[in-house]
N, C-alpha and C. Protein backbone atom coordinates (compact mmCIF):
# COMPACT_ATOMS: atom_id res chain seq x y z
N UNK A 1 55.62 131.77 69.30
CA UNK A 1 54.95 132.99 68.77
C UNK A 1 55.28 133.23 67.56
N UNK A 2 54.29 133.79 66.86
CA UNK A 2 54.32 134.09 65.46
C UNK A 2 53.84 135.59 65.15
N UNK A 3 54.37 136.20 64.32
CA UNK A 3 54.06 137.45 64.00
C UNK A 3 52.85 137.47 62.87
N UNK A 4 51.86 138.07 63.04
CA UNK A 4 50.82 138.23 61.99
C UNK A 4 51.01 139.38 61.19
N UNK A 5 50.34 139.56 59.98
CA UNK A 5 50.49 140.83 59.27
C UNK A 5 50.36 142.19 59.99
N UNK A 6 49.52 142.20 61.00
CA UNK A 6 49.14 143.51 61.81
C UNK A 6 50.29 143.59 62.89
N UNK A 7 51.17 142.90 62.78
CA UNK A 7 52.31 143.00 63.73
C UNK A 7 51.87 142.60 65.34
N UNK A 8 50.78 141.85 65.51
CA UNK A 8 50.51 141.56 66.88
C UNK A 8 51.09 140.14 66.90
N UNK A 9 51.45 139.86 68.36
CA UNK A 9 52.01 138.63 68.58
C UNK A 9 50.83 137.54 68.75
N UNK A 10 50.97 136.37 68.32
CA UNK A 10 49.91 135.34 68.46
C UNK A 10 50.48 134.19 69.22
N UNK A 11 49.70 133.85 70.25
CA UNK A 11 50.29 132.90 71.27
C UNK A 11 50.16 131.51 70.71
N UNK A 12 51.30 130.82 70.86
CA UNK A 12 51.15 129.46 70.32
C UNK A 12 50.60 128.51 71.47
N UNK A 13 49.54 127.64 71.28
CA UNK A 13 49.05 126.83 72.29
C UNK A 13 49.76 125.44 72.35
N UNK A 14 49.49 124.87 73.45
CA UNK A 14 50.21 123.73 73.81
C UNK A 14 49.87 122.46 72.50
N UNK A 15 48.55 122.63 72.11
CA UNK A 15 48.36 121.52 71.08
C UNK A 15 49.15 121.75 70.01
N UNK A 16 49.48 122.81 69.40
CA UNK A 16 50.24 123.01 68.41
C UNK A 16 51.71 122.38 68.71
N UNK A 17 52.24 122.73 69.95
CA UNK A 17 53.73 122.32 70.15
C UNK A 17 53.63 120.77 70.25
N UNK A 18 52.43 120.20 70.80
CA UNK A 18 52.46 118.79 70.92
C UNK A 18 52.53 118.14 69.76
N UNK A 19 51.68 118.61 68.76
CA UNK A 19 51.56 118.06 67.42
C UNK A 19 52.77 118.09 66.61
N UNK A 20 53.50 119.05 66.74
CA UNK A 20 54.74 119.40 66.08
C UNK A 20 55.96 118.34 66.80
N UNK A 21 55.67 118.31 68.06
CA UNK A 21 56.78 117.34 68.80
C UNK A 21 56.68 115.88 68.50
N UNK A 22 55.31 115.44 68.23
CA UNK A 22 54.99 114.17 67.96
C UNK A 22 55.43 113.72 66.77
N UNK A 23 55.75 114.43 65.79
CA UNK A 23 56.14 114.05 64.44
C UNK A 23 57.38 114.24 64.28
N UNK A 24 58.38 113.07 63.89
CA UNK A 24 59.75 113.26 63.46
C UNK A 24 60.15 114.36 62.57
N UNK A 25 59.10 114.65 61.68
CA UNK A 25 59.34 115.78 60.58
C UNK A 25 59.50 117.09 61.15
N UNK A 26 58.71 117.27 62.22
CA UNK A 26 58.46 118.69 62.63
C UNK A 26 59.15 118.89 64.22
N UNK A 27 59.52 117.75 64.77
CA UNK A 27 59.92 117.79 66.05
C UNK A 27 60.87 118.97 66.41
N UNK A 28 61.80 119.40 65.48
CA UNK A 28 62.69 120.53 65.88
C UNK A 28 61.91 121.73 65.71
N UNK A 29 60.99 121.84 64.91
CA UNK A 29 60.12 123.09 64.85
C UNK A 29 59.43 123.10 66.23
N UNK A 30 58.91 122.02 66.67
CA UNK A 30 58.03 121.86 67.94
C UNK A 30 58.88 122.44 69.14
N UNK A 31 60.23 121.96 69.11
CA UNK A 31 61.13 122.40 70.10
C UNK A 31 61.48 123.88 70.04
N UNK A 32 61.58 124.34 68.90
CA UNK A 32 61.80 125.93 68.86
C UNK A 32 60.52 126.67 69.38
N UNK A 33 59.34 126.19 68.98
CA UNK A 33 58.10 126.83 69.61
C UNK A 33 58.06 126.62 70.94
N UNK A 34 58.46 125.50 71.56
CA UNK A 34 58.48 125.27 73.05
C UNK A 34 59.41 126.25 73.84
N UNK A 35 60.69 126.27 73.15
CA UNK A 35 61.57 127.24 73.65
C UNK A 35 61.09 128.61 73.72
N UNK A 36 60.70 129.00 72.46
CA UNK A 36 60.36 130.44 72.32
C UNK A 36 58.98 130.90 73.33
N UNK A 37 58.16 129.88 73.55
CA UNK A 37 57.07 129.99 74.49
C UNK A 37 57.37 129.95 75.98
N UNK A 38 58.38 129.17 76.32
CA UNK A 38 58.61 128.90 77.79
C UNK A 38 59.94 129.30 78.30
N UNK A 39 60.97 129.53 77.45
CA UNK A 39 62.33 129.78 77.88
C UNK A 39 62.39 130.86 78.91
N UNK A 40 61.68 132.03 78.59
CA UNK A 40 61.84 133.22 79.68
C UNK A 40 61.37 132.86 81.00
N UNK A 41 60.17 132.31 81.21
CA UNK A 41 59.67 131.95 82.53
C UNK A 41 60.51 130.94 83.07
N UNK A 42 60.91 129.89 82.27
CA UNK A 42 61.83 128.73 82.85
C UNK A 42 63.11 129.27 83.51
N UNK A 43 63.68 130.28 82.61
CA UNK A 43 65.06 130.89 83.08
C UNK A 43 64.83 131.55 84.26
N UNK A 44 63.92 132.40 84.53
CA UNK A 44 63.72 133.13 85.74
C UNK A 44 63.34 132.18 86.84
N UNK A 45 62.68 131.20 86.66
CA UNK A 45 62.49 130.21 87.67
C UNK A 45 63.87 129.47 88.15
N UNK A 46 64.69 129.00 87.16
CA UNK A 46 65.89 128.52 87.48
C UNK A 46 66.74 129.67 88.25
N UNK A 47 66.89 130.74 87.67
CA UNK A 47 67.78 131.83 88.08
C UNK A 47 67.50 132.24 89.72
N UNK A 48 66.17 132.19 90.03
CA UNK A 48 65.80 132.50 91.39
C UNK A 48 66.33 131.27 92.33
N UNK A 49 66.35 130.04 91.68
CA UNK A 49 66.77 128.85 92.42
C UNK A 49 68.29 128.82 92.50
N UNK A 50 69.01 128.95 91.60
CA UNK A 50 70.56 128.80 91.33
C UNK A 50 71.39 130.03 91.43
N UNK A 51 70.72 131.31 91.18
CA UNK A 51 71.27 132.54 91.45
C UNK A 51 72.16 133.03 90.28
N UNK A 52 73.14 132.30 89.86
CA UNK A 52 73.98 132.71 88.90
C UNK A 52 73.36 132.66 87.32
N UNK A 53 73.59 133.61 86.61
CA UNK A 53 73.03 133.60 85.25
C UNK A 53 73.57 132.44 84.43
N UNK A 54 74.77 132.22 84.53
CA UNK A 54 75.53 130.97 83.60
C UNK A 54 74.87 129.75 84.06
N UNK A 55 74.58 129.52 85.49
CA UNK A 55 74.14 128.34 85.95
C UNK A 55 72.71 128.07 85.43
N UNK A 56 71.92 129.08 85.48
CA UNK A 56 70.53 129.08 85.17
C UNK A 56 70.50 128.75 83.53
N UNK A 57 71.53 129.40 82.88
CA UNK A 57 71.41 129.19 81.30
C UNK A 57 71.63 127.66 80.99
N UNK A 58 72.54 127.06 81.76
CA UNK A 58 73.08 125.76 81.63
C UNK A 58 71.86 124.86 81.87
N UNK A 59 71.23 125.06 83.01
CA UNK A 59 70.18 124.36 83.38
C UNK A 59 68.98 124.38 82.46
N UNK A 60 68.67 125.73 82.05
CA UNK A 60 67.74 125.76 80.89
C UNK A 60 68.04 124.97 79.75
N UNK A 61 69.31 125.04 79.26
CA UNK A 61 69.56 124.26 78.05
C UNK A 61 69.23 122.68 78.37
N UNK A 62 69.73 122.31 79.62
CA UNK A 62 69.66 120.91 80.04
C UNK A 62 68.14 120.46 80.12
N UNK A 63 67.27 121.31 80.55
CA UNK A 63 65.84 121.28 80.71
C UNK A 63 65.28 121.03 79.33
N UNK A 64 65.68 121.73 78.22
CA UNK A 64 64.97 121.56 77.02
C UNK A 64 65.61 120.31 76.32
N UNK A 65 66.82 120.18 76.66
CA UNK A 65 67.41 118.83 76.01
C UNK A 65 66.59 117.60 76.37
N UNK A 66 66.24 117.58 77.78
CA UNK A 66 65.74 116.54 78.40
C UNK A 66 64.07 116.36 77.79
N UNK A 67 63.77 117.48 77.74
CA UNK A 67 62.14 117.62 77.18
C UNK A 67 62.09 117.08 75.75
N UNK A 68 63.19 117.57 74.95
CA UNK A 68 63.28 117.05 73.41
C UNK A 68 63.46 115.50 73.45
N UNK A 69 64.32 114.86 74.25
CA UNK A 69 64.72 113.49 74.27
C UNK A 69 63.46 112.59 74.77
N UNK A 70 62.64 113.19 75.86
CA UNK A 70 61.83 112.32 76.43
C UNK A 70 60.38 112.82 76.05
N UNK A 71 60.21 113.56 75.01
CA UNK A 71 58.76 114.04 74.75
C UNK A 71 57.81 113.01 74.63
N UNK A 72 58.32 111.90 74.24
CA UNK A 72 57.34 110.55 73.97
C UNK A 72 56.78 110.19 75.45
N UNK A 73 57.46 110.65 76.40
CA UNK A 73 56.83 110.20 77.84
C UNK A 73 55.90 111.27 78.39
N UNK A 74 55.66 112.42 77.61
CA UNK A 74 54.71 113.52 78.00
C UNK A 74 53.32 112.92 77.61
N UNK A 75 52.56 112.71 78.67
CA UNK A 75 51.19 112.09 78.31
C UNK A 75 50.18 113.01 78.07
N UNK A 76 50.22 114.25 78.43
CA UNK A 76 49.28 115.33 78.17
C UNK A 76 48.23 115.43 79.42
N UNK A 77 48.71 114.82 80.31
CA UNK A 77 47.75 115.01 81.68
C UNK A 77 47.98 116.13 82.29
N UNK A 78 48.96 116.89 81.95
CA UNK A 78 49.26 118.38 82.61
C UNK A 78 49.77 119.23 81.38
N UNK A 79 49.83 120.37 81.74
CA UNK A 79 50.13 121.42 80.77
C UNK A 79 51.69 121.12 80.39
N UNK A 80 52.10 121.61 79.31
CA UNK A 80 53.64 121.58 78.97
C UNK A 80 54.37 122.27 79.95
N UNK A 81 53.79 123.49 80.19
CA UNK A 81 54.43 124.41 81.20
C UNK A 81 54.70 123.63 82.53
N UNK A 82 53.82 122.87 83.01
CA UNK A 82 53.87 122.31 84.28
C UNK A 82 54.86 121.10 84.17
N UNK A 83 54.88 120.24 83.08
CA UNK A 83 55.86 119.33 82.70
C UNK A 83 57.29 119.82 82.67
N UNK A 84 57.40 121.13 81.95
CA UNK A 84 58.76 121.74 81.89
C UNK A 84 59.33 122.24 83.28
N UNK A 85 58.51 122.64 84.10
CA UNK A 85 58.85 123.17 85.46
C UNK A 85 59.29 122.16 86.21
N UNK A 86 58.66 120.84 86.11
CA UNK A 86 59.06 119.74 86.96
C UNK A 86 60.61 119.34 86.46
N UNK A 87 60.68 119.37 85.30
CA UNK A 87 62.07 118.98 84.61
C UNK A 87 63.12 119.91 85.09
N UNK A 88 62.77 121.18 85.05
CA UNK A 88 63.74 122.31 85.38
C UNK A 88 64.04 122.17 86.94
N UNK A 89 62.91 121.98 87.56
CA UNK A 89 63.09 122.09 89.10
C UNK A 89 64.04 120.85 89.56
N UNK A 90 63.79 119.66 88.92
CA UNK A 90 64.58 118.56 89.28
C UNK A 90 66.06 118.84 88.76
N UNK A 91 66.28 119.38 87.74
CA UNK A 91 67.64 119.76 87.24
C UNK A 91 68.25 120.65 88.23
N UNK A 92 67.54 121.66 88.53
CA UNK A 92 67.93 122.65 89.77
C UNK A 92 68.37 121.92 91.07
N UNK A 93 67.52 121.14 91.43
CA UNK A 93 67.86 120.15 92.67
C UNK A 93 69.00 119.52 92.55
N UNK A 94 69.39 118.86 91.50
CA UNK A 94 70.46 117.99 91.23
C UNK A 94 71.67 118.83 91.22
N UNK A 95 71.61 120.01 90.69
CA UNK A 95 72.67 121.04 90.55
C UNK A 95 72.88 121.61 91.89
N UNK A 96 71.97 121.98 92.78
CA UNK A 96 72.30 122.41 93.93
C UNK A 96 72.89 121.36 94.84
N UNK A 97 72.48 120.13 94.81
CA UNK A 97 72.90 119.08 95.66
C UNK A 97 74.57 118.89 95.26
N UNK A 98 74.91 118.92 94.01
CA UNK A 98 76.19 118.71 93.64
C UNK A 98 77.03 119.96 94.14
N UNK A 99 76.42 121.19 93.96
CA UNK A 99 77.20 122.37 94.39
C UNK A 99 77.56 122.00 95.93
N UNK A 100 76.42 121.76 96.70
CA UNK A 100 76.65 121.51 98.00
C UNK A 100 77.71 120.71 98.61
N UNK A 101 77.74 119.59 97.97
CA UNK A 101 78.84 118.60 98.04
C UNK A 101 80.10 119.14 97.66
N UNK A 102 80.22 119.74 96.56
CA UNK A 102 81.54 120.25 96.34
C UNK A 102 81.85 121.50 97.16
N UNK A 103 80.94 122.18 97.59
CA UNK A 103 81.33 123.44 98.65
C UNK A 103 81.78 122.86 99.86
N UNK A 104 81.18 121.68 100.40
CA UNK A 104 81.52 121.09 101.57
C UNK A 104 82.76 120.72 101.54
N UNK A 105 83.38 120.17 100.46
CA UNK A 105 84.75 119.82 100.47
C UNK A 105 85.74 120.98 100.25
N UNK A 106 85.35 122.22 99.99
CA UNK A 106 86.11 123.53 99.97
C UNK A 106 85.83 124.16 101.26
N UNK A 107 84.94 125.23 101.18
CA UNK A 107 84.85 126.07 102.19
C UNK A 107 83.43 126.18 102.73
N UNK A 108 82.61 125.28 102.35
CA UNK A 108 81.34 125.21 102.64
C UNK A 108 80.27 125.95 101.89
N UNK A 109 79.03 125.58 101.94
CA UNK A 109 77.92 126.11 101.15
C UNK A 109 77.69 127.72 101.61
N UNK A 110 78.00 128.12 102.76
CA UNK A 110 77.62 129.69 102.81
C UNK A 110 78.54 130.34 101.83
N UNK A 111 79.87 130.00 101.80
CA UNK A 111 80.74 130.70 100.97
C UNK A 111 80.11 130.84 99.51
N UNK A 112 79.72 129.68 98.95
CA UNK A 112 79.16 129.65 97.57
C UNK A 112 77.75 130.77 97.62
N UNK A 113 76.91 130.62 98.49
CA UNK A 113 75.86 131.50 98.41
C UNK A 113 76.19 132.93 98.74
N UNK A 114 77.21 133.27 99.58
CA UNK A 114 77.56 134.72 99.69
C UNK A 114 78.06 135.16 98.38
N UNK A 115 78.95 134.39 97.70
CA UNK A 115 79.53 135.04 96.38
C UNK A 115 78.47 135.05 95.38
N UNK A 116 77.48 134.03 95.32
CA UNK A 116 76.55 134.22 94.33
C UNK A 116 75.62 135.52 94.51
N UNK A 117 75.33 135.67 95.84
CA UNK A 117 74.54 136.93 96.18
C UNK A 117 75.28 138.28 95.88
N UNK A 118 76.54 138.09 96.28
CA UNK A 118 77.49 139.18 95.91
C UNK A 118 77.60 139.64 94.68
N UNK A 119 77.77 138.57 93.54
CA UNK A 119 77.77 138.91 92.25
C UNK A 119 76.66 139.57 91.69
N UNK A 120 75.50 139.29 92.24
CA UNK A 120 74.24 139.97 91.95
C UNK A 120 74.34 141.51 92.25
N UNK A 121 74.94 141.74 93.28
CA UNK A 121 75.06 143.12 93.91
C UNK A 121 75.89 144.00 92.74
N UNK A 122 76.77 143.36 92.02
CA UNK A 122 77.60 144.03 91.10
C UNK A 122 76.63 144.78 89.99
N UNK A 123 75.74 143.90 89.70
CA UNK A 123 74.69 144.45 88.69
C UNK A 123 73.55 145.30 89.05
N UNK A 124 73.82 146.00 90.17
CA UNK A 124 72.96 147.10 90.72
C UNK A 124 71.74 146.60 91.21
N UNK A 125 71.68 145.43 91.80
CA UNK A 125 70.33 144.89 92.49
C UNK A 125 70.14 145.79 93.70
N UNK A 126 68.91 145.85 94.12
CA UNK A 126 68.66 146.48 95.25
C UNK A 126 69.10 145.65 96.45
N UNK A 127 69.46 146.53 97.60
CA UNK A 127 69.96 145.84 98.87
C UNK A 127 68.83 144.81 99.34
N UNK A 128 67.62 145.32 99.44
CA UNK A 128 66.45 144.43 99.87
C UNK A 128 66.25 143.26 99.26
N UNK A 129 66.55 143.22 97.81
CA UNK A 129 66.28 142.04 97.03
C UNK A 129 67.53 141.17 97.33
N UNK A 130 68.65 141.72 97.55
CA UNK A 130 69.71 140.67 97.93
C UNK A 130 69.65 140.26 99.04
N UNK A 131 68.99 140.90 100.13
CA UNK A 131 68.88 140.20 101.41
C UNK A 131 67.58 139.12 101.22
N UNK A 132 66.82 139.41 100.57
CA UNK A 132 65.64 138.31 100.26
C UNK A 132 66.37 137.19 99.57
N UNK A 133 67.12 137.44 98.57
CA UNK A 133 67.89 136.03 98.00
C UNK A 133 68.76 135.39 98.87
N UNK A 134 69.48 136.07 99.86
CA UNK A 134 70.30 135.40 100.84
C UNK A 134 69.32 134.61 101.63
N UNK A 135 68.22 135.10 102.11
CA UNK A 135 67.22 134.46 102.89
C UNK A 135 66.64 133.34 102.27
N UNK A 136 66.33 133.31 100.95
CA UNK A 136 65.85 132.26 100.17
C UNK A 136 66.71 131.17 100.02
N UNK A 137 68.10 131.59 99.96
CA UNK A 137 69.21 130.63 99.63
C UNK A 137 69.56 129.84 100.88
N UNK A 138 69.17 130.49 102.00
CA UNK A 138 69.46 129.80 103.28
C UNK A 138 68.47 128.66 103.67
N UNK A 139 67.43 128.77 102.99
CA UNK A 139 66.29 127.61 103.31
C UNK A 139 66.61 126.21 102.83
N UNK A 140 65.96 125.25 103.51
CA UNK A 140 66.26 123.84 102.94
C UNK A 140 65.72 123.70 101.76
N UNK A 141 66.19 122.72 100.83
CA UNK A 141 65.86 122.54 99.63
C UNK A 141 64.42 122.63 99.30
N UNK A 142 63.59 121.84 99.85
CA UNK A 142 62.18 121.71 99.87
C UNK A 142 61.51 123.13 99.90
N UNK A 143 61.71 123.75 101.04
CA UNK A 143 61.24 125.07 101.25
C UNK A 143 61.56 125.96 100.37
N UNK A 144 62.69 125.98 99.92
CA UNK A 144 63.27 127.12 98.88
C UNK A 144 62.45 126.78 97.57
N UNK A 145 62.34 125.50 97.20
CA UNK A 145 61.65 125.25 95.91
C UNK A 145 60.09 125.67 96.04
N UNK A 146 59.41 125.38 97.08
CA UNK A 146 58.02 125.68 97.37
C UNK A 146 57.97 127.23 97.28
N UNK A 147 58.61 127.83 98.05
CA UNK A 147 58.56 129.29 98.46
C UNK A 147 58.85 130.15 97.00
N UNK A 148 59.95 129.68 96.27
CA UNK A 148 60.17 130.41 94.95
C UNK A 148 59.16 130.24 94.01
N UNK A 149 58.69 129.01 93.77
CA UNK A 149 57.64 128.92 92.80
C UNK A 149 56.18 129.71 93.19
N UNK A 150 55.83 129.40 94.36
CA UNK A 150 54.54 130.08 94.99
C UNK A 150 54.82 131.68 95.03
N UNK A 151 56.00 132.21 95.53
CA UNK A 151 56.14 133.61 95.59
C UNK A 151 56.27 134.36 94.25
N UNK A 152 57.32 134.03 93.48
CA UNK A 152 57.58 134.43 92.27
C UNK A 152 56.58 134.12 91.09
N UNK A 153 56.33 132.87 91.00
CA UNK A 153 55.27 132.47 89.78
C UNK A 153 53.84 132.57 90.29
N UNK A 154 53.66 132.77 91.51
CA UNK A 154 52.24 132.91 92.01
C UNK A 154 51.31 131.73 91.67
N UNK A 155 51.90 130.43 91.48
CA UNK A 155 51.27 129.46 90.89
C UNK A 155 50.38 128.79 92.01
N UNK A 156 49.18 128.25 91.69
CA UNK A 156 48.36 127.69 92.68
C UNK A 156 48.99 126.55 93.36
N UNK A 157 48.59 126.16 94.51
CA UNK A 157 49.24 124.94 95.28
C UNK A 157 49.03 123.46 94.39
N UNK A 158 48.01 123.50 93.76
CA UNK A 158 47.63 122.18 92.81
C UNK A 158 48.66 122.09 92.02
N UNK A 159 49.10 123.26 91.19
CA UNK A 159 50.35 123.00 90.03
C UNK A 159 51.53 122.75 90.82
N UNK A 160 51.86 123.46 91.80
CA UNK A 160 53.17 123.22 92.51
C UNK A 160 53.18 121.64 92.94
N UNK A 161 52.07 121.21 93.45
CA UNK A 161 51.98 119.85 93.91
C UNK A 161 52.42 118.97 92.78
N UNK A 162 51.80 119.13 91.75
CA UNK A 162 52.21 118.35 90.49
C UNK A 162 53.54 118.43 89.93
N UNK A 163 54.08 119.61 90.02
CA UNK A 163 55.67 119.93 89.79
C UNK A 163 56.49 119.25 90.68
N UNK A 164 56.40 119.46 92.00
CA UNK A 164 57.18 118.98 92.98
C UNK A 164 56.82 117.51 93.50
N UNK A 165 55.58 117.04 93.08
CA UNK A 165 54.98 115.56 93.45
C UNK A 165 55.00 115.56 94.88
N UNK A 166 54.23 116.64 95.46
CA UNK A 166 53.98 116.73 97.01
C UNK A 166 52.56 116.73 97.22
N UNK A 167 52.20 116.51 98.45
CA UNK A 167 50.65 116.73 98.83
C UNK A 167 50.63 118.18 98.98
N UNK A 168 49.42 118.77 98.70
CA UNK A 168 49.16 120.20 99.13
C UNK A 168 49.32 120.41 100.40
N UNK A 169 49.08 119.75 101.56
CA UNK A 169 49.16 120.02 102.84
C UNK A 169 50.75 120.22 103.13
N UNK A 170 51.63 119.32 102.55
CA UNK A 170 53.03 119.51 102.69
C UNK A 170 53.69 120.78 102.16
N UNK A 171 53.05 121.16 100.98
CA UNK A 171 53.38 122.24 100.21
C UNK A 171 53.14 123.58 101.14
N UNK A 172 51.68 123.57 101.69
CA UNK A 172 51.55 124.73 102.37
C UNK A 172 52.20 124.87 103.84
N UNK A 173 52.63 123.65 104.23
CA UNK A 173 53.40 123.70 105.67
C UNK A 173 54.91 124.08 105.04
N UNK A 174 55.44 123.71 104.08
CA UNK A 174 56.64 124.14 103.80
C UNK A 174 56.82 125.68 103.34
N UNK A 175 55.73 125.96 102.67
CA UNK A 175 55.63 127.49 102.42
C UNK A 175 55.66 128.44 103.57
N UNK A 176 54.77 128.02 104.65
CA UNK A 176 54.66 128.73 105.83
C UNK A 176 55.95 128.79 106.60
N UNK A 177 56.52 127.71 106.68
CA UNK A 177 57.88 127.73 107.43
C UNK A 177 58.85 128.57 106.60
N UNK A 178 58.96 128.55 105.32
CA UNK A 178 59.81 129.18 104.53
C UNK A 178 59.66 130.82 104.81
N UNK A 179 58.32 131.11 104.84
CA UNK A 179 58.10 132.54 105.06
C UNK A 179 58.41 132.95 106.34
N UNK A 180 58.34 132.11 107.46
CA UNK A 180 58.87 132.42 108.73
C UNK A 180 60.20 132.54 108.67
N UNK A 181 60.89 131.71 108.18
CA UNK A 181 62.38 131.79 108.27
C UNK A 181 62.97 132.90 107.44
N UNK A 182 62.36 133.22 106.33
CA UNK A 182 62.77 134.43 105.47
C UNK A 182 62.45 135.93 106.43
N UNK A 183 61.30 135.73 106.94
CA UNK A 183 61.12 137.05 107.79
C UNK A 183 62.06 137.22 108.82
N UNK A 184 62.31 136.22 109.53
CA UNK A 184 63.50 136.06 110.71
C UNK A 184 64.82 136.43 110.14
N UNK A 185 65.15 135.88 109.00
CA UNK A 185 66.37 136.18 108.38
C UNK A 185 66.64 137.65 108.10
N UNK A 186 65.50 138.30 107.62
CA UNK A 186 65.51 139.70 107.08
C UNK A 186 65.59 140.46 108.37
N UNK A 187 64.85 140.14 109.37
CA UNK A 187 64.85 140.89 110.61
C UNK A 187 66.24 140.76 111.27
N UNK A 188 67.00 139.71 111.25
CA UNK A 188 68.25 139.53 111.87
C UNK A 188 69.35 140.34 111.04
N UNK A 189 69.19 140.45 109.79
CA UNK A 189 70.28 140.94 108.75
C UNK A 189 69.83 142.35 108.32
N UNK A 190 68.76 142.79 108.65
CA UNK A 190 68.25 144.13 108.34
C UNK A 190 69.40 145.35 108.63
N UNK A 191 70.13 145.29 109.69
CA UNK A 191 71.09 146.27 110.09
C UNK A 191 72.05 146.04 109.03
N UNK A 192 72.39 144.91 108.33
CA UNK A 192 73.51 145.01 107.13
C UNK A 192 73.15 145.90 106.00
N UNK A 193 72.00 146.31 105.92
CA UNK A 193 71.52 147.35 104.77
C UNK A 193 71.99 148.65 104.91
N UNK A 194 72.38 149.20 106.17
CA UNK A 194 72.84 150.40 106.28
C UNK A 194 74.23 150.62 105.87
């Protein structure tokens, strides 16, 4: 984003970012434009998946590093936004898989998730939002990814299919099952809100 003389924000298009990223002389400027344009949306996508702020920040940084190092592989067949979401989602999946393995060797994944959700409560989050986050974190990985992107980002199935590299039918099935499981989880744990 750039400021113009009348103090209105001007949206930077993908074509400007691509042009800057393709040139060695302006690649760092292109990265800065890409980060300014997409970091907030990517952060919240990652935060919903991994819960902890620090983990989301680390994954966001890893996402932009990978994008910078591999921009020559961006073919322009999709939006930069979609490409970055695919990288961020893959980073989150790898992180969650490592966390599961580490937690299984300690006290189990449930302990990690309960602590993550409890840490959010300290920052004044509403109880129902905490319960929703617990429900989302209890989902299998694919369902969690599909639900999070569809529910929070309101992204069309076609874009989600491109990001997660799944068929639209599989996505719809995963989303449906995720909604059912979340509803059931909230129903079972709603007495905890009192």
